[in-house]
Amino acid sequence: MAELGDNQSENTWPLVKFQFQVKIDDKELLFSEVTGLSSETQVIEYRAGHNTLYSVVKMPGIKKFTNVVFKKGNFKNDNDLWDYYSLIQMNTFKRSVVLISLLDEDGNPIMTWTLNEAFPVKMTITDMKADANESAIETLEMAYESMAQVSS
């Protein structure tokens, strides 16, 4: 039965995605966009030699995680992302824990995704066009080994 507006439960409305928080190693960084939170399980196809059916058995295999992409505006004297990316040396980067939280109207985390063993893999500086009328955006792409989701 449909609920009336005067006694609607908190579960009736879907969450909004425009209020979020990102922490990299407990340091909060401000981003305008986060994309790429995705997990995929590879499919293993197997057929035993004595199987009389002409089809394969499908089993879940290794999980793969896509790189997550963070975008933010460029600001004067704000070199945080570039400094973080510049710490990379051949296989010697200290890996990070990244927390991405979806926030409610009061700024409290509702859902949090934890990215473990994360490290930056790509930094894109803004493109520049003389006839553009938009903000300068820098992009940081990070790889990670595992992801967990926690609902508050």
N, C-alpha and C. Protein backbone atom coordinates (compact mmCIF):
# COMPACT_ATOMS: atom_id res chain seq x y z
N MET A 1 0.84 -1.18 0.00
CA MET A 1 0.00 0.00 0.00
C MET A 1 0.89 1.24 0.00
N ALA A 2 0.53 2.23 -0.77
CA ALA A 2 1.30 3.47 -0.84
C ALA A 2 1.19 4.23 0.47
N GLU A 3 2.30 4.86 0.83
CA GLU A 3 2.31 5.65 2.06
C GLU A 3 1.87 7.07 1.78
N LEU A 4 1.23 7.69 2.75
CA LEU A 4 0.85 9.09 2.63
C LEU A 4 2.03 9.96 3.02
N GLY A 5 2.03 11.20 2.59
CA GLY A 5 3.14 12.10 2.86
C GLY A 5 3.35 12.41 4.32
N ASP A 6 2.30 12.28 5.17
CA ASP A 6 2.44 12.65 6.57
C ASP A 6 3.15 11.60 7.41
N ASN A 7 3.23 10.38 6.94
CA ASN A 7 3.90 9.34 7.73
C ASN A 7 4.82 8.47 6.87
N GLN A 8 5.46 9.07 5.89
CA GLN A 8 6.35 8.31 5.01
C GLN A 8 7.58 7.83 5.77
N SER A 9 8.01 6.64 5.44
CA SER A 9 9.21 6.10 6.07
C SER A 9 10.45 6.69 5.40
N GLU A 10 11.60 6.55 6.06
CA GLU A 10 12.86 7.05 5.52
C GLU A 10 13.30 6.26 4.29
N ASN A 11 12.78 5.06 4.11
CA ASN A 11 13.21 4.21 3.00
C ASN A 11 12.44 4.48 1.71
N THR A 12 11.48 5.39 1.73
CA THR A 12 10.65 5.64 0.55
C THR A 12 11.41 6.36 -0.54
N TRP A 13 12.25 7.32 -0.19
CA TRP A 13 12.93 8.14 -1.18
C TRP A 13 14.33 7.60 -1.46
N PRO A 14 14.73 7.58 -2.73
CA PRO A 14 16.11 7.18 -3.04
C PRO A 14 17.09 8.25 -2.56
N LEU A 15 18.31 7.84 -2.33
CA LEU A 15 19.35 8.76 -1.88
C LEU A 15 19.76 9.69 -3.02
N VAL A 16 20.15 10.90 -2.67
CA VAL A 16 20.67 11.83 -3.67
C VAL A 16 22.18 11.65 -3.76
N LYS A 17 22.75 12.00 -4.91
CA LYS A 17 24.17 11.72 -5.13
C LYS A 17 25.04 12.97 -5.17
N PHE A 18 24.48 14.14 -4.89
CA PHE A 18 25.25 15.36 -5.05
C PHE A 18 26.00 15.78 -3.79
N GLN A 19 25.77 15.10 -2.66
CA GLN A 19 26.48 15.45 -1.44
C GLN A 19 27.31 14.26 -1.00
N PHE A 20 28.63 14.41 -1.11
CA PHE A 20 29.52 13.30 -0.80
C PHE A 20 30.82 13.82 -0.21
N GLN A 21 31.59 12.90 0.36
CA GLN A 21 32.85 13.24 1.01
C GLN A 21 33.90 12.22 0.59
N VAL A 22 35.13 12.69 0.38
CA VAL A 22 36.24 11.80 0.02
C VAL A 22 37.39 12.03 0.99
N LYS A 23 37.88 10.95 1.58
CA LYS A 23 39.05 11.01 2.45
C LYS A 23 40.10 10.05 1.89
N ILE A 24 41.31 10.57 1.74
CA ILE A 24 42.44 9.74 1.34
C ILE A 24 43.41 9.76 2.52
N ASP A 25 43.59 8.59 3.13
CA ASP A 25 44.42 8.49 4.35
C ASP A 25 44.02 9.51 5.39
N ASP A 26 42.73 9.59 5.70
CA ASP A 26 42.16 10.47 6.73
C ASP A 26 42.28 11.96 6.42
N LYS A 27 42.72 12.33 5.21
CA LYS A 27 42.74 13.73 4.81
C LYS A 27 41.57 13.96 3.86
N GLU A 28 40.67 14.87 4.23
CA GLU A 28 39.51 15.13 3.39
C GLU A 28 39.92 16.04 2.23
N LEU A 29 39.57 15.60 1.01
CA LEU A 29 39.81 16.38 -0.19
C LEU A 29 38.46 16.68 -0.84
N LEU A 30 38.33 17.86 -1.43
CA LEU A 30 37.07 18.27 -2.03
C LEU A 30 37.09 18.01 -3.53
N PHE A 31 36.09 17.28 -4.00
CA PHE A 31 35.97 16.95 -5.41
C PHE A 31 34.58 17.33 -5.89
N SER A 32 34.46 17.62 -7.18
CA SER A 32 33.16 17.92 -7.76
C SER A 32 32.53 16.68 -8.38
N GLU A 33 33.34 15.65 -8.63
CA GLU A 33 32.81 14.45 -9.26
C GLU A 33 33.67 13.25 -8.90
N VAL A 34 33.01 12.13 -8.65
CA VAL A 34 33.68 10.84 -8.42
C VAL A 34 32.99 9.81 -9.31
N THR A 35 33.75 9.14 -10.16
CA THR A 35 33.18 8.12 -11.04
C THR A 35 34.04 6.87 -11.00
N GLY A 36 33.46 5.76 -11.41
CA GLY A 36 34.22 4.52 -11.56
C GLY A 36 34.12 3.54 -10.42
N LEU A 37 33.25 3.78 -9.46
CA LEU A 37 33.08 2.79 -8.39
C LEU A 37 32.35 1.59 -8.99
N SER A 38 33.12 0.59 -9.36
CA SER A 38 32.53 -0.53 -10.07
C SER A 38 33.32 -1.81 -9.78
N SER A 39 32.60 -2.90 -9.67
CA SER A 39 33.22 -4.21 -9.46
C SER A 39 32.62 -5.20 -10.45
N GLU A 40 33.46 -6.07 -10.95
CA GLU A 40 33.01 -7.07 -11.92
C GLU A 40 33.67 -8.40 -11.57
N THR A 41 32.91 -9.46 -11.67
CA THR A 41 33.45 -10.80 -11.43
C THR A 41 33.65 -11.50 -12.77
N GLN A 42 34.87 -11.96 -13.00
CA GLN A 42 35.16 -12.69 -14.23
C GLN A 42 34.42 -14.03 -14.19
N VAL A 43 34.03 -14.49 -15.36
CA VAL A 43 33.33 -15.77 -15.47
C VAL A 43 34.32 -16.82 -15.95
N ILE A 44 34.38 -17.94 -15.23
CA ILE A 44 35.22 -19.06 -15.63
C ILE A 44 34.32 -20.09 -16.30
N GLU A 45 34.67 -20.44 -17.51
CA GLU A 45 33.91 -21.47 -18.22
C GLU A 45 34.71 -22.76 -18.22
N TYR A 46 34.03 -23.85 -17.86
CA TYR A 46 34.71 -25.13 -17.71
C TYR A 46 33.82 -26.23 -18.28
N ARG A 47 34.45 -27.15 -18.94
CA ARG A 47 33.72 -28.32 -19.44
C ARG A 47 34.57 -29.54 -19.18
N ALA A 48 34.04 -30.47 -18.43
CA ALA A 48 34.75 -31.71 -18.15
C ALA A 48 34.75 -32.59 -19.40
N GLY A 49 35.81 -33.36 -19.57
CA GLY A 49 35.94 -34.20 -20.76
C GLY A 49 34.88 -35.28 -20.86
N HIS A 50 34.36 -35.75 -19.75
CA HIS A 50 33.36 -36.82 -19.80
C HIS A 50 31.92 -36.29 -19.82
N ASN A 51 31.76 -34.96 -19.89
CA ASN A 51 30.44 -34.35 -19.89
C ASN A 51 29.72 -34.65 -21.20
N THR A 52 28.51 -35.19 -21.10
CA THR A 52 27.74 -35.54 -22.30
C THR A 52 27.00 -34.35 -22.88
N LEU A 53 26.88 -33.27 -22.16
CA LEU A 53 26.23 -32.07 -22.67
C LEU A 53 27.24 -31.25 -23.47
N TYR A 54 26.75 -30.62 -24.52
CA TYR A 54 27.63 -29.77 -25.32
C TYR A 54 27.53 -28.33 -24.85
N SER A 55 27.81 -28.13 -23.60
CA SER A 55 27.81 -26.79 -23.02
C SER A 55 28.82 -26.74 -21.88
N VAL A 56 29.11 -25.55 -21.43
CA VAL A 56 30.08 -25.37 -20.36
C VAL A 56 29.37 -25.04 -19.05
N VAL A 57 30.06 -25.27 -17.97
CA VAL A 57 29.62 -24.86 -16.65
C VAL A 57 30.25 -23.50 -16.39
N LYS A 58 29.47 -22.57 -15.90
CA LYS A 58 30.00 -21.22 -15.61
C LYS A 58 30.11 -21.04 -14.11
N MET A 59 31.29 -20.55 -13.70
CA MET A 59 31.58 -20.34 -12.28
C MET A 59 32.13 -18.95 -12.06
N PRO A 60 31.90 -18.37 -10.87
CA PRO A 60 32.49 -17.05 -10.59
C PRO A 60 34.00 -17.18 -10.40
N GLY A 61 34.71 -16.18 -10.92
CA GLY A 61 36.18 -16.18 -10.83
C GLY A 61 36.67 -14.98 -10.04
N ILE A 62 37.74 -14.40 -10.52
CA ILE A 62 38.40 -13.29 -9.84
C ILE A 62 37.61 -12.00 -10.02
N LYS A 63 37.55 -11.20 -8.95
CA LYS A 63 36.90 -9.89 -9.03
C LYS A 63 37.87 -8.87 -9.61
N LYS A 64 37.32 -7.97 -10.42
CA LYS A 64 38.09 -6.87 -10.97
C LYS A 64 37.42 -5.57 -10.54
N PHE A 65 38.23 -4.58 -10.27
CA PHE A 65 37.72 -3.27 -9.88
C PHE A 65 38.23 -2.25 -10.89
N THR A 66 37.33 -1.41 -11.38
CA THR A 66 37.75 -0.36 -12.31
C THR A 66 38.44 0.75 -11.52
N ASN A 67 39.25 1.52 -12.20
CA ASN A 67 39.88 2.67 -11.55
C ASN A 67 38.81 3.70 -11.21
N VAL A 68 38.99 4.37 -10.09
CA VAL A 68 38.07 5.43 -9.69
C VAL A 68 38.69 6.77 -10.12
N VAL A 69 37.83 7.67 -10.59
CA VAL A 69 38.29 8.95 -11.12
C VAL A 69 37.70 10.08 -10.27
N PHE A 70 38.58 10.97 -9.83
CA PHE A 70 38.19 12.12 -9.03
C PHE A 70 38.44 13.39 -9.85
N LYS A 71 37.45 14.30 -9.86
CA LYS A 71 37.60 15.57 -10.57
C LYS A 71 37.34 16.72 -9.62
N LYS A 72 38.16 17.75 -9.77
CA LYS A 72 37.99 18.96 -8.95
C LYS A 72 38.45 20.17 -9.72
N GLY A 73 37.98 21.32 -9.30
CA GLY A 73 38.40 22.56 -9.92
C GLY A 73 39.82 22.92 -9.56
N ASN A 74 40.50 23.58 -10.48
CA ASN A 74 41.85 24.10 -10.21
C ASN A 74 41.72 25.42 -9.46
N PHE A 75 42.51 25.59 -8.42
CA PHE A 75 42.53 26.82 -7.65
C PHE A 75 43.96 27.31 -7.53
N LYS A 76 44.13 28.59 -7.43
CA LYS A 76 45.45 29.18 -7.28
C LYS A 76 46.13 28.64 -6.02
N ASN A 77 47.37 28.24 -6.15
CA ASN A 77 48.21 27.72 -5.05
C ASN A 77 47.67 26.44 -4.43
N ASP A 78 46.81 25.71 -5.12
CA ASP A 78 46.30 24.42 -4.63
C ASP A 78 46.98 23.31 -5.42
N ASN A 79 48.01 22.74 -4.82
CA ASN A 79 48.80 21.70 -5.49
C ASN A 79 48.64 20.34 -4.82
N ASP A 80 47.60 20.15 -4.00
CA ASP A 80 47.45 18.91 -3.24
C ASP A 80 47.47 17.67 -4.12
N LEU A 81 46.67 17.64 -5.19
CA LEU A 81 46.62 16.44 -6.03
C LEU A 81 47.94 16.20 -6.75
N TRP A 82 48.53 17.25 -7.28
CA TRP A 82 49.80 17.09 -7.99
C TRP A 82 50.90 16.62 -7.04
N ASP A 83 50.95 17.18 -5.83
CA ASP A 83 51.95 16.75 -4.85
C ASP A 83 51.75 15.29 -4.48
N TYR A 84 50.50 14.87 -4.33
CA TYR A 84 50.19 13.47 -4.01
C TYR A 84 50.63 12.56 -5.15
N TYR A 85 50.29 12.93 -6.37
CA TYR A 85 50.67 12.14 -7.54
C TYR A 85 52.19 12.09 -7.72
N SER A 86 52.87 13.17 -7.39
CA SER A 86 54.33 13.25 -7.57
C SER A 86 55.10 12.34 -6.63
N LEU A 87 54.46 11.80 -5.62
CA LEU A 87 55.14 10.89 -4.68
C LEU A 87 55.43 9.52 -5.29
N ILE A 88 54.85 9.25 -6.45
CA ILE A 88 55.03 7.93 -7.06
C ILE A 88 56.47 7.75 -7.53
N GLN A 89 57.06 6.68 -7.11
CA GLN A 89 58.35 6.21 -7.61
C GLN A 89 58.12 4.79 -8.08
N MET A 90 59.03 4.23 -8.81
CA MET A 90 58.84 2.88 -9.34
C MET A 90 58.57 1.89 -8.20
N ASN A 91 57.32 1.48 -8.07
CA ASN A 91 56.87 0.46 -7.11
C ASN A 91 57.18 0.80 -5.65
N THR A 92 57.29 2.06 -5.31
CA THR A 92 57.60 2.42 -3.92
C THR A 92 56.58 3.36 -3.31
N PHE A 93 55.42 3.49 -3.92
CA PHE A 93 54.41 4.41 -3.40
C PHE A 93 53.71 3.80 -2.19
N LYS A 94 53.52 4.60 -1.14
CA LYS A 94 52.76 4.14 0.03
C LYS A 94 51.29 4.09 -0.37
N ARG A 95 50.71 2.92 -0.32
CA ARG A 95 49.31 2.76 -0.73
C ARG A 95 48.38 3.36 0.31
N SER A 96 47.22 3.77 -0.15
CA SER A 96 46.29 4.53 0.69
C SER A 96 44.98 3.78 0.89
N VAL A 97 44.26 4.20 1.91
CA VAL A 97 42.87 3.80 2.11
C VAL A 97 42.02 5.01 1.73
N VAL A 98 41.09 4.80 0.82
CA VAL A 98 40.23 5.89 0.35
C VAL A 98 38.81 5.60 0.83
N LEU A 99 38.20 6.58 1.49
CA LEU A 99 36.82 6.48 1.94
C LEU A 99 35.97 7.44 1.13
N ILE A 100 34.96 6.91 0.47
CA ILE A 100 34.02 7.72 -0.29
C ILE A 100 32.66 7.55 0.36
N SER A 101 32.11 8.64 0.89
CA SER A 101 30.86 8.56 1.64
C SER A 101 29.78 9.37 0.97
N LEU A 102 28.60 8.79 0.87
CA LEU A 102 27.40 9.49 0.43
C LEU A 102 26.78 10.09 1.69
N LEU A 103 26.45 11.38 1.67
CA LEU A 103 26.00 12.08 2.87
C LEU A 103 24.51 12.38 2.83
N ASP A 104 23.90 12.47 4.02
CA ASP A 104 22.49 12.87 4.11
C ASP A 104 22.39 14.40 4.17
N GLU A 105 21.19 14.90 4.40
CA GLU A 105 20.96 16.35 4.41
C GLU A 105 21.75 17.07 5.49
N ASP A 106 22.08 16.36 6.58
CA ASP A 106 22.82 16.96 7.69
C ASP A 106 24.33 16.78 7.56
N GLY A 107 24.80 16.16 6.48
CA GLY A 107 26.23 15.95 6.28
C GLY A 107 26.78 14.71 6.95
N ASN A 108 25.89 13.79 7.37
CA ASN A 108 26.32 12.54 8.00
C ASN A 108 26.42 11.43 6.95
N PRO A 109 27.43 10.58 7.06
CA PRO A 109 27.57 9.48 6.08
C PRO A 109 26.40 8.50 6.17
N ILE A 110 25.82 8.18 5.01
CA ILE A 110 24.76 7.18 4.93
C ILE A 110 25.34 5.86 4.43
N MET A 111 26.15 5.97 3.38
CA MET A 111 26.83 4.80 2.82
C MET A 111 28.28 5.18 2.59
N THR A 112 29.19 4.25 2.88
CA THR A 112 30.61 4.51 2.69
C THR A 112 31.24 3.35 1.95
N TRP A 113 32.04 3.69 0.94
CA TRP A 113 32.81 2.70 0.20
C TRP A 113 34.27 2.87 0.58
N THR A 114 34.90 1.78 0.97
CA THR A 114 36.31 1.79 1.34
C THR A 114 37.11 1.13 0.23
N LEU A 115 38.06 1.88 -0.32
CA LEU A 115 38.96 1.36 -1.34
C LEU A 115 40.30 1.07 -0.68
N ASN A 116 40.72 -0.18 -0.73
CA ASN A 116 41.94 -0.59 -0.05
C ASN A 116 43.10 -0.70 -1.02
N GLU A 117 44.29 -0.40 -0.51
CA GLU A 117 45.54 -0.50 -1.29
C GLU A 117 45.48 0.38 -2.54
N ALA A 118 44.96 1.59 -2.40
CA ALA A 118 44.79 2.50 -3.54
C ALA A 118 46.07 3.29 -3.81
N PHE A 119 46.29 3.61 -5.08
CA PHE A 119 47.42 4.44 -5.46
C PHE A 119 47.08 5.16 -6.77
N PRO A 120 47.60 6.37 -6.96
CA PRO A 120 47.29 7.13 -8.17
C PRO A 120 47.99 6.53 -9.39
N VAL A 121 47.27 6.51 -10.50
CA VAL A 121 47.84 5.97 -11.74
C VAL A 121 47.82 6.98 -12.88
N LYS A 122 47.05 8.05 -12.73
CA LYS A 122 46.98 9.03 -13.81
C LYS A 122 46.53 10.37 -13.26
N MET A 123 47.20 11.41 -13.74
CA MET A 123 46.84 12.78 -13.37
C MET A 123 46.64 13.55 -14.66
N THR A 124 45.47 14.18 -14.81
CA THR A 124 45.19 14.96 -16.01
C THR A 124 44.99 16.41 -15.61
N ILE A 125 45.79 17.26 -16.21
CA ILE A 125 45.66 18.70 -15.99
C ILE A 125 44.60 19.22 -16.96
N THR A 126 43.99 20.30 -16.62
CA THR A 126 42.91 20.84 -17.43
C THR A 126 43.33 21.12 -18.86
N ASP A 127 42.39 20.97 -19.77
CA ASP A 127 42.67 21.41 -21.14
C ASP A 127 42.37 22.90 -21.20
N MET A 128 43.04 23.57 -22.11
CA MET A 128 42.91 25.02 -22.19
C MET A 128 42.44 25.42 -23.58
N LYS A 129 41.40 26.26 -23.61
CA LYS A 129 40.84 26.75 -24.87
C LYS A 129 40.56 28.23 -24.73
N ALA A 130 41.01 29.00 -25.69
CA ALA A 130 40.84 30.44 -25.63
C ALA A 130 39.38 30.86 -25.70
N ASP A 131 38.54 30.07 -26.34
CA ASP A 131 37.13 30.46 -26.49
C ASP A 131 36.20 29.76 -25.49
N ALA A 132 36.76 29.08 -24.49
CA ALA A 132 35.94 28.35 -23.51
C ALA A 132 35.45 29.28 -22.41
N ASN A 133 34.35 28.91 -21.80
CA ASN A 133 33.76 29.67 -20.71
C ASN A 133 33.41 28.69 -19.59
N GLU A 134 34.39 27.95 -19.14
CA GLU A 134 34.17 26.94 -18.11
C GLU A 134 35.33 26.91 -17.14
N SER A 135 35.12 26.26 -16.01
CA SER A 135 36.15 26.18 -14.98
C SER A 135 37.26 25.21 -15.38
N ALA A 136 38.45 25.47 -14.88
CA ALA A 136 39.58 24.57 -15.08
C ALA A 136 39.41 23.38 -14.14
N ILE A 137 39.49 22.16 -14.67
CA ILE A 137 39.28 20.94 -13.91
C ILE A 137 40.52 20.06 -13.99
N GLU A 138 40.96 19.53 -12.84
CA GLU A 138 42.03 18.54 -12.84
C GLU A 138 41.46 17.20 -12.42
N THR A 139 42.07 16.13 -12.92
CA THR A 139 41.53 14.79 -12.71
C THR A 139 42.62 13.87 -12.15
N LEU A 140 42.26 13.12 -11.12
CA LEU A 140 43.15 12.11 -10.55
C LEU A 140 42.47 10.75 -10.69
N GLU A 141 43.19 9.79 -11.25
CA GLU A 141 42.66 8.43 -11.40
C GLU A 141 43.46 7.51 -10.47
N MET A 142 42.74 6.67 -9.73
CA MET A 142 43.39 5.77 -8.78
C MET A 142 42.98 4.32 -9.02
N ALA A 143 43.94 3.43 -8.89
CA ALA A 143 43.68 1.99 -8.91
C ALA A 143 43.60 1.52 -7.46
N TYR A 144 42.90 0.42 -7.23
CA TYR A 144 42.79 -0.14 -5.89
C TYR A 144 42.56 -1.64 -6.01
N GLU A 145 42.82 -2.37 -4.92
CA GLU A 145 42.77 -3.82 -4.96
C GLU A 145 41.46 -4.42 -4.47
N SER A 146 40.78 -3.74 -3.56
CA SER A 146 39.52 -4.28 -3.07
C SER A 146 38.62 -3.13 -2.61
N MET A 147 37.31 -3.43 -2.57
CA MET A 147 36.34 -2.42 -2.18
C MET A 147 35.32 -3.07 -1.23
N ALA A 148 34.94 -2.32 -0.19
CA ALA A 148 33.91 -2.76 0.74
C ALA A 148 32.91 -1.63 0.90
N GLN A 149 31.63 -2.00 1.11
CA GLN A 149 30.59 -1.01 1.30
C GLN A 149 29.98 -1.19 2.68
N VAL A 150 29.77 -0.06 3.36
CA VAL A 150 29.16 -0.07 4.67
C VAL A 150 28.00 0.92 4.67
N SER A 151 26.83 0.49 5.13
CA SER A 151 25.69 1.39 5.27
C SER A 151 25.58 1.82 6.71
N SER A 152 25.31 3.09 6.93
CA SER A 152 25.21 3.62 8.31
C SER A 152 23.79 3.50 8.81
